[in-house]
């Protein structure tokens, strides 16, 4: 199963935010932002911090895609 953060990146564009703005607002490390940029899995704690910073639900920022 693959993780897609396309919804998150679109939300950042809509909110006129950069990845570094997200990092600061959510209080997460740059390594976590990099992992998400590469489509890698991050912990639920990181996702919760991102959701809190963006005032959204996890389903609005991440999508799981089944490998075929």
PDB file of N, CA and C in Angstrom:
ATOM      1  N   UNK A   1       0.836  -1.172   0.000  1.00  0.00           N
ATOM      2  CA  UNK A   1       0.000   0.000   0.000  1.00  0.00           C
ATOM      3  C   UNK A   1       0.894   1.252   0.000  1.00  0.00           C
ATOM      4  N   UNK A   2       0.515   2.205  -0.809  1.00  0.00           N
ATOM      5  CA  UNK A   2       1.280   3.445  -0.946  1.00  0.00           C
ATOM      6  C   UNK A   2       0.552   4.591  -0.252  1.00  0.00           C
ATOM      7  N   UNK A   3       1.322   5.507   0.304  1.00  0.00           N
ATOM      8  CA  UNK A   3       0.751   6.680   0.965  1.00  0.00           C
ATOM      9  C   UNK A   3       0.880   7.875   0.031  1.00  0.00           C
ATOM     10  N   UNK A   4      -0.216   8.607  -0.135  1.00  0.00           N
ATOM     11  CA  UNK A   4      -0.197   9.803  -0.972  1.00  0.00           C
ATOM     12  C   UNK A   4      -0.553  11.022  -0.119  1.00  0.00           C
ATOM     13  N   UNK A   5       0.267  12.040  -0.226  1.00  0.00           N
ATOM     14  CA  UNK A   5       0.029  13.288   0.501  1.00  0.00           C
ATOM     15  C   UNK A   5      -0.389  14.402  -0.458  1.00  0.00           C
ATOM     16  N   UNK A   6      -0.861  14.040  -1.652  1.00  0.00           N
ATOM     17  CA  UNK A   6      -1.265  15.045  -2.639  1.00  0.00           C
ATOM     18  C   UNK A   6      -2.315  15.999  -2.078  1.00  0.00           C
ATOM     19  N   UNK A   7      -3.218  15.466  -1.266  1.00  0.00           N
ATOM     20  CA  UNK A   7      -4.254  16.314  -0.659  1.00  0.00           C
ATOM     21  C   UNK A   7      -3.627  17.355   0.262  1.00  0.00           C
ATOM     22  N   UNK A   8      -2.594  16.961   0.979  1.00  0.00           N
ATOM     23  CA  UNK A   8      -1.899  17.887   1.875  1.00  0.00           C
ATOM     24  C   UNK A   8      -1.236  18.995   1.077  1.00  0.00           C
ATOM     25  N   UNK A   9      -0.528  18.641   0.014  1.00  0.00           N
ATOM     26  CA  UNK A   9       0.180  19.646  -0.782  1.00  0.00           C
ATOM     27  C   UNK A   9      -0.808  20.603  -1.440  1.00  0.00           C
ATOM     28  N   UNK A  10      -1.950  20.073  -1.877  1.00  0.00           N
ATOM     29  CA  UNK A  10      -2.978  20.943  -2.468  1.00  0.00           C
ATOM     30  C   UNK A  10      -3.523  21.897  -1.407  1.00  0.00           C
ATOM     31  N   UNK A  11      -3.729  21.385  -0.192  1.00  0.00           N
ATOM     32  CA  UNK A  11      -4.235  22.225   0.889  1.00  0.00           C
ATOM     33  C   UNK A  11      -3.241  23.343   1.208  1.00  0.00           C
ATOM     34  N   UNK A  12      -1.955  23.025   1.194  1.00  0.00           N
ATOM     35  CA  UNK A  12      -0.942  24.050   1.452  1.00  0.00           C
ATOM     36  C   UNK A  12      -0.997  25.136   0.383  1.00  0.00           C
ATOM     37  N   UNK A  13      -1.175  24.735  -0.867  1.00  0.00           N
ATOM     38  CA  UNK A  13      -1.292  25.708  -1.961  1.00  0.00           C
ATOM     39  C   UNK A  13      -2.522  26.583  -1.744  1.00  0.00           C
ATOM     40  N   UNK A  14      -3.643  25.951  -1.408  1.00  0.00           N
ATOM     41  CA  UNK A  14      -4.881  26.704  -1.173  1.00  0.00           C
ATOM     42  C   UNK A  14      -4.746  27.684  -0.016  1.00  0.00           C
ATOM     43  N   UNK A  15      -3.956  27.321   0.996  1.00  0.00           N
ATOM     44  CA  UNK A  15      -3.764  28.180   2.167  1.00  0.00           C
ATOM     45  C   UNK A  15      -2.561  29.115   1.993  1.00  0.00           C
ATOM     46  N   UNK A  16      -1.947  29.075   0.811  1.00  0.00           N
ATOM     47  CA  UNK A  16      -0.783  29.898   0.496  1.00  0.00           C
ATOM     48  C   UNK A  16       0.337  29.676   1.517  1.00  0.00           C
ATOM     49  N   UNK A  17       0.597  28.405   1.799  1.00  0.00           N
ATOM     50  CA  UNK A  17       1.648  28.024   2.749  1.00  0.00           C
ATOM     51  C   UNK A  17       2.749  27.250   2.037  1.00  0.00           C
ATOM     52  N   UNK A  18       3.953  27.386   2.533  1.00  0.00           N
ATOM     53  CA  UNK A  18       5.074  26.588   2.056  1.00  0.00           C
ATOM     54  C   UNK A  18       5.284  25.425   3.019  1.00  0.00           C
ATOM     55  N   UNK A  19       6.088  24.461   2.595  1.00  0.00           N
ATOM     56  CA  UNK A  19       6.379  23.317   3.463  1.00  0.00           C
ATOM     57  C   UNK A  19       7.056  23.768   4.753  1.00  0.00           C
ATOM     58  N   UNK A  20       7.909  24.780   4.650  1.00  0.00           N
ATOM     59  CA  UNK A  20       8.583  25.260   5.866  1.00  0.00           C
ATOM     60  C   UNK A  20       7.585  25.924   6.812  1.00  0.00           C
ATOM     61  N   UNK A  21       6.524  26.538   6.254  1.00  0.00           N
ATOM     62  CA  UNK A  21       5.472  27.120   7.097  1.00  0.00           C
ATOM     63  C   UNK A  21       4.721  26.019   7.840  1.00  0.00           C
ATOM     64  N   UNK A  22       4.463  24.921   7.137  1.00  0.00           N
ATOM     65  CA  UNK A  22       3.794  23.776   7.761  1.00  0.00           C
ATOM     66  C   UNK A  22       4.656  23.217   8.888  1.00  0.00           C
ATOM     67  N   UNK A  23       5.936  23.069   8.612  1.00  0.00           N
ATOM     68  CA  UNK A  23       6.855  22.533   9.614  1.00  0.00           C
ATOM     69  C   UNK A  23       6.797  23.364  10.888  1.00  0.00           C
ATOM     70  N   UNK A  24       6.847  24.668  10.730  1.00  0.00           N
ATOM     71  CA  UNK A  24       6.839  25.563  11.892  1.00  0.00           C
ATOM     72  C   UNK A  24       5.486  25.531  12.607  1.00  0.00           C
ATOM     73  N   UNK A  25       4.398  25.623  11.847  1.00  0.00           N
ATOM     74  CA  UNK A  25       3.051  25.663  12.436  1.00  0.00           C
ATOM     75  C   UNK A  25       2.714  24.374  13.179  1.00  0.00           C
ATOM     76  N   UNK A  26       3.144  23.232  12.622  1.00  0.00           N
ATOM     77  CA  UNK A  26       2.817  21.940  13.217  1.00  0.00           C
ATOM     78  C   UNK A  26       3.836  21.517  14.278  1.00  0.00           C
ATOM     79  N   UNK A  27       4.990  22.170  14.293  1.00  0.00           N
ATOM     80  CA  UNK A  27       6.029  21.796  15.254  1.00  0.00           C
ATOM     81  C   UNK A  27       6.614  20.433  14.963  1.00  0.00           C
ATOM     82  N   UNK A  28       6.821  20.161  13.674  1.00  0.00           N
ATOM     83  CA  UNK A  28       7.395  18.870  13.273  1.00  0.00           C
ATOM     84  C   UNK A  28       8.787  19.098  12.686  1.00  0.00           C
ATOM     85  N   UNK A  29       9.558  18.038  12.604  1.00  0.00           N
ATOM     86  CA  UNK A  29      10.920  18.151  12.085  1.00  0.00           C
ATOM     87  C   UNK A  29      10.912  18.234  10.560  1.00  0.00           C
ATOM     88  N   UNK A  30      12.010  18.773  10.039  1.00  0.00           N
ATOM     89  CA  UNK A  30      12.144  18.846   8.592  1.00  0.00           C
ATOM     90  C   UNK A  30      12.236  17.433   8.004  1.00  0.00           C
ATOM     91  N   UNK A  31      12.772  16.504   8.769  1.00  0.00           N
ATOM     92  CA  UNK A  31      12.866  15.109   8.308  1.00  0.00           C
ATOM     93  C   UNK A  31      11.478  14.533   8.046  1.00  0.00           C
ATOM     94  N   UNK A  32      10.506  14.883   8.886  1.00  0.00           N
ATOM     95  CA  UNK A  32       9.131  14.403   8.689  1.00  0.00           C
ATOM     96  C   UNK A  32       8.527  14.993   7.422  1.00  0.00           C
ATOM     97  N   UNK A  33       8.783  16.272   7.195  1.00  0.00           N
ATOM     98  CA  UNK A  33       8.287  16.924   5.974  1.00  0.00           C
ATOM     99  C   UNK A  33       8.920  16.258   4.748  1.00  0.00           C
ATOM    100  N   UNK A  34      10.200  15.964   4.838  1.00  0.00           N
ATOM    101  CA  UNK A  34      10.907  15.301   3.739  1.00  0.00           C
ATOM    102  C   UNK A  34      10.324  13.922   3.467  1.00  0.00           C
ATOM    103  N   UNK A  35      10.041  13.165   4.532  1.00  0.00           N
ATOM    104  CA  UNK A  35       9.452  11.831   4.365  1.00  0.00           C
ATOM    105  C   UNK A  35       8.112  11.929   3.639  1.00  0.00           C
ATOM    106  N   UNK A  36       7.293  12.907   4.042  1.00  0.00           N
ATOM    107  CA  UNK A  36       5.996  13.082   3.385  1.00  0.00           C
ATOM    108  C   UNK A  36       6.187  13.496   1.933  1.00  0.00           C
ATOM    109  N   UNK A  37       7.185  14.329   1.661  1.00  0.00           N
ATOM    110  CA  UNK A  37       7.467  14.758   0.284  1.00  0.00           C
ATOM    111  C   UNK A  37       7.831  13.580  -0.607  1.00  0.00           C
ATOM    112  N   UNK A  38       8.460  12.580  -0.008  1.00  0.00           N
ATOM    113  CA  UNK A  38       8.867  11.385  -0.754  1.00  0.00           C
ATOM    114  C   UNK A  38       7.785  10.309  -0.780  1.00  0.00           C
ATOM    115  N   UNK A  39       6.630  10.606  -0.155  1.00  0.00           N
ATOM    116  CA  UNK A  39       5.540   9.634  -0.128  1.00  0.00           C
ATOM    117  C   UNK A  39       5.783   8.505   0.850  1.00  0.00           C
ATOM    118  N   UNK A  40       6.607   8.744   1.856  1.00  0.00           N
ATOM    119  CA  UNK A  40       6.891   7.726   2.859  1.00  0.00           C
ATOM    120  C   UNK A  40       5.940   7.881   4.044  1.00  0.00           C
ATOM    121  N   UNK A  41       5.768   6.813   4.780  1.00  0.00           N
ATOM    122  CA  UNK A  41       4.870   6.825   5.933  1.00  0.00           C
ATOM    123  C   UNK A  41       5.500   7.602   7.085  1.00  0.00           C
ATOM    124  N   UNK A  42       4.660   8.332   7.801  1.00  0.00           N
ATOM    125  CA  UNK A  42       5.081   9.018   9.031  1.00  0.00           C
ATOM    126  C   UNK A  42       4.157   8.552  10.150  1.00  0.00           C
ATOM    127  N   UNK A  43       4.526   8.851  11.375  1.00  0.00           N
ATOM    128  CA  UNK A  43       3.731   8.380  12.503  1.00  0.00           C
ATOM    129  C   UNK A  43       2.387   9.102  12.599  1.00  0.00           C
ATOM    130  N   UNK A  44       1.468   8.472  13.299  1.00  0.00           N
ATOM    131  CA  UNK A  44       0.156   9.071  13.516  1.00  0.00           C
ATOM    132  C   UNK A  44       0.304  10.374  14.299  1.00  0.00           C
ATOM    133  N   UNK A  45       1.285  10.434  15.186  1.00  0.00           N
ATOM    134  CA  UNK A  45       1.529  11.650  15.966  1.00  0.00           C
ATOM    135  C   UNK A  45       1.840  12.838  15.046  1.00  0.00           C
ATOM    136  N   UNK A  46       2.647  12.597  14.023  1.00  0.00           N
ATOM    137  CA  UNK A  46       2.983  13.650  13.052  1.00  0.00           C
ATOM    138  C   UNK A  46       1.732  14.080  12.306  1.00  0.00           C
ATOM    139  N   UNK A  47       0.938  13.114  11.862  1.00  0.00           N
ATOM    140  CA  UNK A  47      -0.287  13.438  11.135  1.00  0.00           C
ATOM    141  C   UNK A  47      -1.255  14.234  12.012  1.00  0.00           C
ATOM    142  N   UNK A  48      -1.325  13.891  13.290  1.00  0.00           N
ATOM    143  CA  UNK A  48      -2.207  14.611  14.210  1.00  0.00           C
ATOM    144  C   UNK A  48      -1.734  16.059  14.387  1.00  0.00           C
ATOM    145  N   UNK A  49      -0.431  16.272  14.471  1.00  0.00           N
ATOM    146  CA  UNK A  49       0.102  17.633  14.598  1.00  0.00           C
ATOM    147  C   UNK A  49      -0.204  18.454  13.350  1.00  0.00           C
ATOM    148  N   UNK A  50      -0.072  17.832  12.181  1.00  0.00           N
ATOM    149  CA  UNK A  50      -0.376  18.521  10.921  1.00  0.00           C
ATOM    150  C   UNK A  50      -1.855  18.886  10.872  1.00  0.00           C
ATOM    151  N   UNK A  51      -2.705  17.937  11.241  1.00  0.00           N
ATOM    152  CA  UNK A  51      -4.150  18.184  11.244  1.00  0.00           C
ATOM    153  C   UNK A  51      -4.525  19.309  12.204  1.00  0.00           C
ATOM    154  N   UNK A  52      -3.905  19.313  13.365  1.00  0.00           N
ATOM    155  CA  UNK A  52      -4.198  20.359  14.341  1.00  0.00           C
ATOM    156  C   UNK A  52      -3.791  21.728  13.793  1.00  0.00           C
ATOM    157  N   UNK A  53      -2.625  21.794  13.164  1.00  0.00           N
ATOM    158  CA  UNK A  53      -2.129  23.059  12.614  1.00  0.00           C
ATOM    159  C   UNK A  53      -2.996  23.561  11.462  1.00  0.00           C
ATOM    160  N   UNK A  54      -3.526  22.638  10.661  1.00  0.00           N
ATOM    161  CA  UNK A  54      -4.319  23.023   9.481  1.00  0.00           C
ATOM    162  C   UNK A  54      -5.825  22.991   9.749  1.00  0.00           C
ATOM    163  N   UNK A  55      -6.208  22.601  10.973  1.00  0.00           N
ATOM    164  CA  UNK A  55      -7.630  22.514  11.353  1.00  0.00           C
ATOM    165  C   UNK A  55      -8.405  21.622  10.373  1.00  0.00           C
ATOM    166  N   UNK A  56      -7.927  20.387  10.243  1.00  0.00           N
ATOM    167  CA  UNK A  56      -8.564  19.448   9.316  1.00  0.00           C
ATOM    168  C   UNK A  56      -8.530  18.040   9.896  1.00  0.00           C
ATOM    169  N   UNK A  57      -9.104  17.116   9.164  1.00  0.00           N
ATOM    170  CA  UNK A  57      -9.118  15.707   9.546  1.00  0.00           C
ATOM    171  C   UNK A  57      -8.057  14.969   8.733  1.00  0.00           C
ATOM    172  N   UNK A  58      -7.575  13.858   9.246  1.00  0.00           N
ATOM    173  CA  UNK A  58      -6.497  13.122   8.574  1.00  0.00           C
ATOM    174  C   UNK A  58      -6.881  12.706   7.147  1.00  0.00           C
ATOM    175  N   UNK A  59      -8.146  12.407   6.923  1.00  0.00           N
ATOM    176  CA  UNK A  59      -8.594  12.018   5.587  1.00  0.00           C
ATOM    177  C   UNK A  59      -8.508  13.138   4.567  1.00  0.00           C
ATOM    178  N   UNK A  60      -8.348  14.352   5.057  1.00  0.00           N
ATOM    179  CA  UNK A  60      -8.239  15.504   4.166  1.00  0.00           C
ATOM    180  C   UNK A  60      -6.807  15.760   3.710  1.00  0.00           C
ATOM    181  N   UNK A  61      -5.835  15.064   4.317  1.00  0.00           N
ATOM    182  CA  UNK A  61      -4.432  15.310   3.965  1.00  0.00           C
ATOM    183  C   UNK A  61      -3.679  14.084   3.466  1.00  0.00           C
ATOM    184  N   UNK A  62      -4.215  12.905   3.736  1.00  0.00           N
ATOM    185  CA  UNK A  62      -3.500  11.687   3.349  1.00  0.00           C
ATOM    186  C   UNK A  62      -4.470  10.696   2.711  1.00  0.00           C
ATOM    187  N   UNK A  63      -3.931   9.923   1.780  1.00  0.00           N
ATOM    188  CA  UNK A  63      -4.748   8.911   1.097  1.00  0.00           C
ATOM    189  C   UNK A  63      -3.888   7.649   0.951  1.00  0.00           C
ATOM    190  N   UNK A  64      -4.514   6.519   1.166  1.00  0.00           N
ATOM    191  CA  UNK A  64      -3.806   5.247   0.998  1.00  0.00           C
ATOM    192  C   UNK A  64      -4.220   4.626  -0.330  1.00  0.00           C
ATOM    193  N   UNK A  65      -3.243   4.282  -1.131  1.00  0.00           N
ATOM    194  CA  UNK A  65      -3.498   3.732  -2.470  1.00  0.00           C
ATOM    195  C   UNK A  65      -2.991   2.300  -2.499  1.00  0.00           C
ATOM    196  N   UNK A  66      -3.895   1.395  -2.875  1.00  0.00           N
ATOM    197  CA  UNK A  66      -3.503  -0.024  -2.942  1.00  0.00           C
ATOM    198  C   UNK A  66      -2.590  -0.285  -4.113  1.00  0.00           C
ATOM    199  N   UNK A  67      -1.523  -1.022  -3.861  1.00  0.00           N
ATOM    200  CA  UNK A  67      -0.625  -1.419  -4.930  1.00  0.00           C
ATOM    201  C   UNK A  67      -1.286  -2.524  -5.744  1.00  0.00           C
ATOM    202  N   UNK A  68      -1.127  -2.443  -7.046  1.00  0.00           N
ATOM    203  CA  UNK A  68      -1.738  -3.448  -7.908  1.00  0.00           C
ATOM    204  C   UNK A  68      -0.747  -4.425  -8.419  1.00  0.00           C
TER     205      UNK A  68
END
